[in-house]
PDB file of all heavy atoms in Angstrom:
ATOM      1  N   VAL A   1      30.808  33.966   7.553  1.00  0.00           N
ATOM      2  CA  VAL A   1      30.353  35.219   7.948  1.00  0.00           C
ATOM      3  C   VAL A   1      31.491  36.198   7.971  1.00  0.00           C
ATOM      4  O   VAL A   1      32.513  36.003   8.661  1.00  0.00           O
ATOM      5  CB  VAL A   1      29.696  35.169   9.333  1.00  0.00           C
ATOM      6  CG1 VAL A   1      29.127  36.480   9.774  1.00  0.00           C
ATOM      7  CG2 VAL A   1      28.616  34.149   9.326  1.00  0.00           C
ATOM      8  N   ASP A   2      31.398  37.309   7.343  1.00  0.00           N
ATOM      9  CA  ASP A   2      32.511  38.148   7.090  1.00  0.00           C
ATOM     10  C   ASP A   2      32.593  39.357   8.115  1.00  0.00           C
ATOM     11  O   ASP A   2      33.563  39.986   8.286  1.00  0.00           O
ATOM     12  CB  ASP A   2      32.517  38.921   5.756  1.00  0.00           C
ATOM     13  CG  ASP A   2      32.738  37.816   4.602  1.00  0.00           C
ATOM     14  OD1 ASP A   2      33.517  36.834   4.867  1.00  0.00           O
ATOM     15  OD2 ASP A   2      32.083  37.976   3.661  1.00  0.00           O
ATOM     16  N   THR A   3      31.508  39.644   8.742  1.00  0.00           N
ATOM     17  CA  THR A   3      31.534  40.711   9.817  1.00  0.00           C
ATOM     18  C   THR A   3      30.876  40.436  10.979  1.00  0.00           C
ATOM     19  O   THR A   3      29.937  39.656  11.053  1.00  0.00           O
ATOM     20  CB  THR A   3      30.734  42.022   9.147  1.00  0.00           C
ATOM     21  OG1 THR A   3      29.342  41.639   8.861  1.00  0.00           O
ATOM     22  CG2 THR A   3      31.414  42.538   7.939  1.00  0.00           C
ATOM     23  N   ALA A   4      31.340  41.008  12.192  1.00  0.00           N
ATOM     24  CA  ALA A   4      30.819  40.650  13.456  1.00  0.00           C
ATOM     25  C   ALA A   4      29.811  41.795  13.798  1.00  0.00           C
ATOM     26  O   ALA A   4      30.069  42.969  13.569  1.00  0.00           O
ATOM     27  CB  ALA A   4      31.913  40.641  14.458  1.00  0.00           C
ATOM     28  N   SER A   5      28.644  41.408  14.337  1.00  0.00           N
ATOM     29  CA  SER A   5      27.554  42.381  14.677  1.00  0.00           C
ATOM     30  C   SER A   5      27.948  42.974  15.970  1.00  0.00           C
ATOM     31  O   SER A   5      28.598  42.358  16.985  1.00  0.00           O
ATOM     32  CB  SER A   5      26.280  41.681  14.821  1.00  0.00           C
ATOM     33  OG  SER A   5      25.411  42.441  15.495  1.00  0.00           O
ATOM     34  N   ALA A   6      27.646  44.290  16.095  1.00  0.00           N
ATOM     35  CA  ALA A   6      27.760  44.926  17.447  1.00  0.00           C
ATOM     36  C   ALA A   6      26.921  44.558  18.402  1.00  0.00           C
ATOM     37  O   ALA A   6      27.005  44.871  19.596  1.00  0.00           O
ATOM     38  CB  ALA A   6      27.715  46.467  17.146  1.00  0.00           C
ATOM     39  N   GLY A   7      25.935  43.710  18.008  1.00  0.00           N
ATOM     40  CA  GLY A   7      24.829  43.409  18.981  1.00  0.00           C
ATOM     41  C   GLY A   7      24.876  41.937  19.442  1.00  0.00           C
ATOM     42  O   GLY A   7      23.906  41.314  19.544  1.00  0.00           O
ATOM     43  N   THR A   8      26.151  41.410  19.704  1.00  0.00           N
ATOM     44  CA  THR A   8      26.263  40.084  20.061  1.00  0.00           C
ATOM     45  C   THR A   8      26.249  39.738  21.439  1.00  0.00           C
ATOM     46  O   THR A   8      26.437  38.697  21.945  1.00  0.00           O
ATOM     47  CB  THR A   8      27.482  39.354  19.440  1.00  0.00           C
ATOM     48  OG1 THR A   8      28.510  40.163  19.817  1.00  0.00           O
ATOM     49  CG2 THR A   8      27.380  39.357  17.803  1.00  0.00           C
ATOM     50  N   GLY A   9      26.201  40.870  22.309  1.00  0.00           N
ATOM     51  CA  GLY A   9      26.236  40.721  23.814  1.00  0.00           C
ATOM     52  C   GLY A   9      24.993  39.946  24.220  1.00  0.00           C
ATOM     53  O   GLY A   9      23.952  40.123  23.659  1.00  0.00           O
ATOM     54  N   ARG A  10      25.073  39.267  25.364  1.00  0.00           N
ATOM     55  CA  ARG A  10      23.937  38.561  25.786  1.00  0.00           C
ATOM     56  C   ARG A  10      23.073  39.363  26.823  1.00  0.00           C
ATOM     57  O   ARG A  10      23.638  40.113  27.687  1.00  0.00           O
ATOM     58  CB  ARG A  10      24.380  37.209  26.535  1.00  0.00           C
ATOM     59  CG  ARG A  10      25.196  36.426  25.667  1.00  0.00           C
ATOM     60  CD  ARG A  10      24.573  35.850  24.406  1.00  0.00           C
ATOM     61  NE  ARG A  10      23.359  35.022  24.821  1.00  0.00           N
ATOM     62  CZ  ARG A  10      22.625  34.373  24.045  1.00  0.00           C
ATOM     63  NH1 ARG A  10      22.760  34.595  22.780  1.00  0.00           N
ATOM     64  NH2 ARG A  10      21.683  33.610  24.326  1.00  0.00           N
ATOM     65  N   THR A  11      21.741  39.239  26.693  1.00  0.00           N
ATOM     66  CA  THR A  11      20.959  39.985  27.643  1.00  0.00           C
ATOM     67  C   THR A  11      21.289  39.415  28.970  1.00  0.00           C
ATOM     68  O   THR A  11      21.214  38.246  29.324  1.00  0.00           O
ATOM     69  CB  THR A  11      19.500  39.650  27.223  1.00  0.00           C
ATOM     70  OG1 THR A  11      19.194  40.110  25.952  1.00  0.00           O
ATOM     71  CG2 THR A  11      18.493  40.309  28.225  1.00  0.00           C
ATOM     72  N   GLY A  12      21.395  40.405  29.951  1.00  0.00           N
ATOM     73  CA  GLY A  12      21.698  39.985  31.346  1.00  0.00           C
ATOM     74  C   GLY A  12      23.079  39.815  31.820  1.00  0.00           C
ATOM     75  O   GLY A  12      23.356  39.377  32.819  1.00  0.00           O
ATOM     76  N   THR A  13      24.019  40.081  30.777  1.00  0.00           N
ATOM     77  CA  THR A  13      25.452  39.891  31.198  1.00  0.00           C
ATOM     78  C   THR A  13      26.196  41.148  31.420  1.00  0.00           C
ATOM     79  O   THR A  13      27.322  41.135  31.660  1.00  0.00           O
ATOM     80  CB  THR A  13      26.199  39.018  30.039  1.00  0.00           C
ATOM     81  OG1 THR A  13      26.078  39.821  28.975  1.00  0.00           O
ATOM     82  CG2 THR A  13      25.470  37.755  29.880  1.00  0.00           C
ATOM     83  N   SER A  14      25.494  42.333  31.290  1.00  0.00           N
ATOM     84  CA  SER A  14      26.228  43.541  31.517  1.00  0.00           C
ATOM     85  C   SER A  14      26.471  43.785  33.030  1.00  0.00           C
ATOM     86  O   SER A  14      25.748  43.097  33.873  1.00  0.00           O
ATOM     87  CB  SER A  14      25.414  44.736  31.015  1.00  0.00           C
ATOM     88  OG  SER A  14      24.169  44.836  31.707  1.00  0.00           O
ATOM     89  N   PRO A  15      27.283  44.724  33.487  1.00  0.00           N
ATOM     90  CA  PRO A  15      27.408  44.974  34.839  1.00  0.00           C
ATOM     91  C   PRO A  15      26.127  45.326  35.541  1.00  0.00           C
ATOM     92  O   PRO A  15      25.824  44.990  36.626  1.00  0.00           O
ATOM     93  CB  PRO A  15      28.461  46.184  34.893  1.00  0.00           C
ATOM     94  CG  PRO A  15      29.237  46.001  33.656  1.00  0.00           C
ATOM     95  CD  PRO A  15      28.309  45.334  32.660  1.00  0.00           C
ATOM     96  N   ALA A  16      25.234  46.105  34.847  1.00  0.00           N
ATOM     97  CA  ALA A  16      24.021  46.545  35.446  1.00  0.00           C
ATOM     98  C   ALA A  16      23.170  45.387  35.777  1.00  0.00           C
ATOM     99  O   ALA A  16      22.330  45.250  36.643  1.00  0.00           O
ATOM    100  CB  ALA A  16      23.343  47.535  34.434  1.00  0.00           C
ATOM    101  N   ALA A  17      23.209  44.275  34.918  1.00  0.00           N
ATOM    102  CA  ALA A  17      22.446  43.115  35.089  1.00  0.00           C
ATOM    103  C   ALA A  17      22.799  42.235  36.226  1.00  0.00           C
ATOM    104  O   ALA A  17      22.312  41.337  36.746  1.00  0.00           O
ATOM    105  CB  ALA A  17      22.263  42.319  33.860  1.00  0.00           C
ATOM    106  N   THR A  18      24.064  42.475  36.791  1.00  0.00           N
ATOM    107  CA  THR A  18      24.633  41.650  37.796  1.00  0.00           C
ATOM    108  C   THR A  18      24.970  42.558  39.030  1.00  0.00           C
ATOM    109  O   THR A  18      25.883  42.308  39.744  1.00  0.00           O
ATOM    110  CB  THR A  18      25.871  40.959  37.446  1.00  0.00           C
ATOM    111  OG1 THR A  18      26.749  41.897  36.892  1.00  0.00           O
ATOM    112  CG2 THR A  18      25.563  39.887  36.359  1.00  0.00           C
ATOM    113  N   GLY A  19      24.091  43.526  39.318  1.00  0.00           N
ATOM    114  CA  GLY A  19      24.248  44.353  40.452  1.00  0.00           C
ATOM    115  C   GLY A  19      25.405  45.324  40.335  1.00  0.00           C
ATOM    116  O   GLY A  19      26.019  45.771  41.224  1.00  0.00           O
ATOM    117  N   GLY A  20      25.913  45.623  39.152  1.00  0.00           N
ATOM    118  CA  GLY A  20      26.996  46.503  38.950  1.00  0.00           C
ATOM    119  C   GLY A  20      28.389  45.917  39.031  1.00  0.00           C
ATOM    120  O   GLY A  20      29.378  46.530  38.983  1.00  0.00           O
ATOM    121  N   ASP A  21      28.515  44.655  39.263  1.00  0.00           N
ATOM    122  CA  ASP A  21      29.759  43.879  39.515  1.00  0.00           C
ATOM    123  C   ASP A  21      30.069  43.019  38.275  1.00  0.00           C
ATOM    124  O   ASP A  21      29.576  41.964  38.082  1.00  0.00           O
ATOM    125  CB  ASP A  21      29.632  43.016  40.689  1.00  0.00           C
ATOM    126  CG  ASP A  21      31.011  42.330  40.982  1.00  0.00           C
ATOM    127  OD1 ASP A  21      32.018  42.473  40.243  1.00  0.00           O
ATOM    128  OD2 ASP A  21      31.073  41.724  42.060  1.00  0.00           O
ATOM    129  N   PRO A  22      30.967  43.489  37.367  1.00  0.00           N
ATOM    130  CA  PRO A  22      31.244  42.640  36.155  1.00  0.00           C
ATOM    131  C   PRO A  22      31.972  41.387  36.432  1.00  0.00           C
ATOM    132  O   PRO A  22      32.077  40.573  35.594  1.00  0.00           O
ATOM    133  CB  PRO A  22      32.166  43.601  35.384  1.00  0.00           C
ATOM    134  CG  PRO A  22      32.836  44.471  36.349  1.00  0.00           C
ATOM    135  CD  PRO A  22      31.701  44.698  37.439  1.00  0.00           C
ATOM    136  N   LEU A  23      32.507  41.225  37.700  1.00  0.00           N
ATOM    137  CA  LEU A  23      33.127  39.897  37.960  1.00  0.00           C
ATOM    138  C   LEU A  23      32.154  38.980  38.627  1.00  0.00           C
ATOM    139  O   LEU A  23      32.548  37.879  38.970  1.00  0.00           O
ATOM    140  CB  LEU A  23      34.317  40.160  38.906  1.00  0.00           C
ATOM    141  CG  LEU A  23      35.463  41.004  38.433  1.00  0.00           C
ATOM    142  CD1 LEU A  23      36.572  40.972  39.325  1.00  0.00           C
ATOM    143  CD2 LEU A  23      35.859  40.600  36.971  1.00  0.00           C
ATOM    144  N   ALA A  24      30.957  39.335  38.926  1.00  0.00           N
ATOM    145  CA  ALA A  24      29.892  38.490  39.530  1.00  0.00           C
ATOM    146  C   ALA A  24      29.505  37.514  38.532  1.00  0.00           C
ATOM    147  O   ALA A  24      29.415  37.708  37.369  1.00  0.00           O
ATOM    148  CB  ALA A  24      28.750  39.335  39.979  1.00  0.00           C
ATOM    149  N   PRO A  25      29.108  36.324  39.063  1.00  0.00           N
ATOM    150  CA  PRO A  25      28.599  35.259  38.067  1.00  0.00           C
ATOM    151  C   PRO A  25      27.353  35.814  37.355  1.00  0.00           C
ATOM    152  O   PRO A  25      26.532  36.413  37.969  1.00  0.00           O
ATOM    153  CB  PRO A  25      28.273  34.092  38.905  1.00  0.00           C
ATOM    154  CG  PRO A  25      28.993  34.301  40.224  1.00  0.00           C
ATOM    155  CD  PRO A  25      29.147  35.799  40.467  1.00  0.00           C
ATOM    156  N   ALA A  26      27.200  35.489  36.020  1.00  0.00           N
ATOM    157  CA  ALA A  26      26.154  35.839  35.267  1.00  0.00           C
ATOM    158  C   ALA A  26      24.911  35.102  35.720  1.00  0.00           C
ATOM    159  O   ALA A  26      25.089  33.908  36.289  1.00  0.00           O
ATOM    160  CB  ALA A  26      26.352  35.688  33.770  1.00  0.00           C
ATOM    161  N   PRO A  27      23.722  35.557  35.569  1.00  0.00           N
ATOM    162  CA  PRO A  27      22.509  34.805  35.926  1.00  0.00           C
ATOM    163  C   PRO A  27      22.469  33.464  35.344  1.00  0.00           C
ATOM    164  O   PRO A  27      22.792  33.328  34.153  1.00  0.00           O
ATOM    165  CB  PRO A  27      21.358  35.611  35.591  1.00  0.00           C
ATOM    166  CG  PRO A  27      21.909  37.057  35.361  1.00  0.00           C
ATOM    167  CD  PRO A  27      23.390  36.829  34.938  1.00  0.00           C
ATOM    168  N   ASP A  28      21.963  32.404  36.059  1.00  0.00           N
ATOM    169  CA  ASP A  28      21.792  31.113  35.429  1.00  0.00           C
ATOM    170  C   ASP A  28      20.664  31.202  34.512  1.00  0.00           C
ATOM    171  O   ASP A  28      19.805  32.036  34.580  1.00  0.00           O
ATOM    172  CB  ASP A  28      21.356  30.042  36.432  1.00  0.00           C
ATOM    173  CG  ASP A  28      22.580  29.741  37.318  1.00  0.00           C
ATOM    174  OD1 ASP A  28      23.725  30.179  37.062  1.00  0.00           O
ATOM    175  OD2 ASP A  28      22.392  29.074  38.447  1.00  0.00           O
ATOM    176  N   ALA A  29      20.784  30.311  33.514  1.00  0.00           N
ATOM    177  CA  ALA A  29      19.776  30.198  32.418  1.00  0.00           C
ATOM    178  C   ALA A  29      19.472  28.768  32.118  1.00  0.00           C
ATOM    179  O   ALA A  29      20.397  28.024  32.080  1.00  0.00           O
ATOM    180  CB  ALA A  29      20.047  31.011  31.261  1.00  0.00           C
ATOM    181  N   ALA A  30      18.182  28.512  31.751  1.00  0.00           N
ATOM    182  CA  ALA A  30      17.909  27.072  31.376  1.00  0.00           C
ATOM    183  C   ALA A  30      18.432  26.776  30.183  1.00  0.00           C
ATOM    184  O   ALA A  30      18.401  27.422  29.173  1.00  0.00           O
ATOM    185  CB  ALA A  30      16.369  26.960  31.390  1.00  0.00           C
ATOM    186  N   ALA A  31      19.011  25.496  30.130  1.00  0.00           N
ATOM    187  CA  ALA A  31      19.599  25.040  28.812  1.00  0.00           C
ATOM    188  C   ALA A  31      18.401  24.667  27.891  1.00  0.00           C
ATOM    189  O   ALA A  31      17.430  24.215  28.242  1.00  0.00           O
ATOM    190  CB  ALA A  31      20.407  23.778  29.064  1.00  0.00           C
ATOM    191  N   VAL A  32      18.592  24.953  26.595  1.00  0.00           N
ATOM    192  CA  VAL A  32      17.605  24.564  25.521  1.00  0.00           C
ATOM    193  C   VAL A  32      17.918  23.092  25.070  1.00  0.00           C
ATOM    194  O   VAL A  32      18.993  22.936  24.570  1.00  0.00           O
ATOM    195  CB  VAL A  32      17.775  25.625  24.404  1.00  0.00           C
ATOM    196  CG1 VAL A  32      16.733  25.251  23.342  1.00  0.00           C
ATOM    197  CG2 VAL A  32      17.491  27.127  24.836  1.00  0.00           C
ATOM    198  N   PRO A  33      16.929  22.271  25.260  1.00  0.00           N
ATOM    199  CA  PRO A  33      17.203  20.888  24.775  1.00  0.00           C
ATOM    200  C   PRO A  33      17.431  20.853  23.275  1.00  0.00           C
ATOM    201  O   PRO A  33      16.730  21.577  22.498  1.00  0.00           O
ATOM    202  CB  PRO A  33      15.963  20.173  25.284  1.00  0.00           C
ATOM    203  CG  PRO A  33      14.875  21.355  25.300  1.00  0.00           C
ATOM    204  CD  PRO A  33      15.582  22.525  25.704  1.00  0.00           C
ATOM    205  N   ALA A  34      18.282  20.019  22.839  1.00  0.00           N
ATOM    206  CA  ALA A  34      18.529  19.861  21.508  1.00  0.00           C
ATOM    207  C   ALA A  34      17.390  18.927  20.861  1.00  0.00           C
ATOM    208  O   ALA A  34      16.889  18.076  21.481  1.00  0.00           O
ATOM    209  CB  ALA A  34      19.896  19.036  21.234  1.00  0.00           C
ATOM    210  N   ALA A  35      17.022  19.202  19.652  1.00  0.00           N
ATOM    211  CA  ALA A  35      15.975  18.510  18.940  1.00  0.00           C
ATOM    212  C   ALA A  35      16.655  17.226  18.447  1.00  0.00           C
ATOM    213  O   ALA A  35      17.811  17.196  18.013  1.00  0.00           O
ATOM    214  CB  ALA A  35      15.436  19.319  17.771  1.00  0.00           C
TER     215      ALA A  35
END
């Protein structure tokens, strides 16, 4: 892959998604089981 997309940030990892604190732990998320 030759170019990085500008849209690779994860939903819920911005400061706004963590109460405005970028050092706060990101929300937990369920692991996707491997097939």
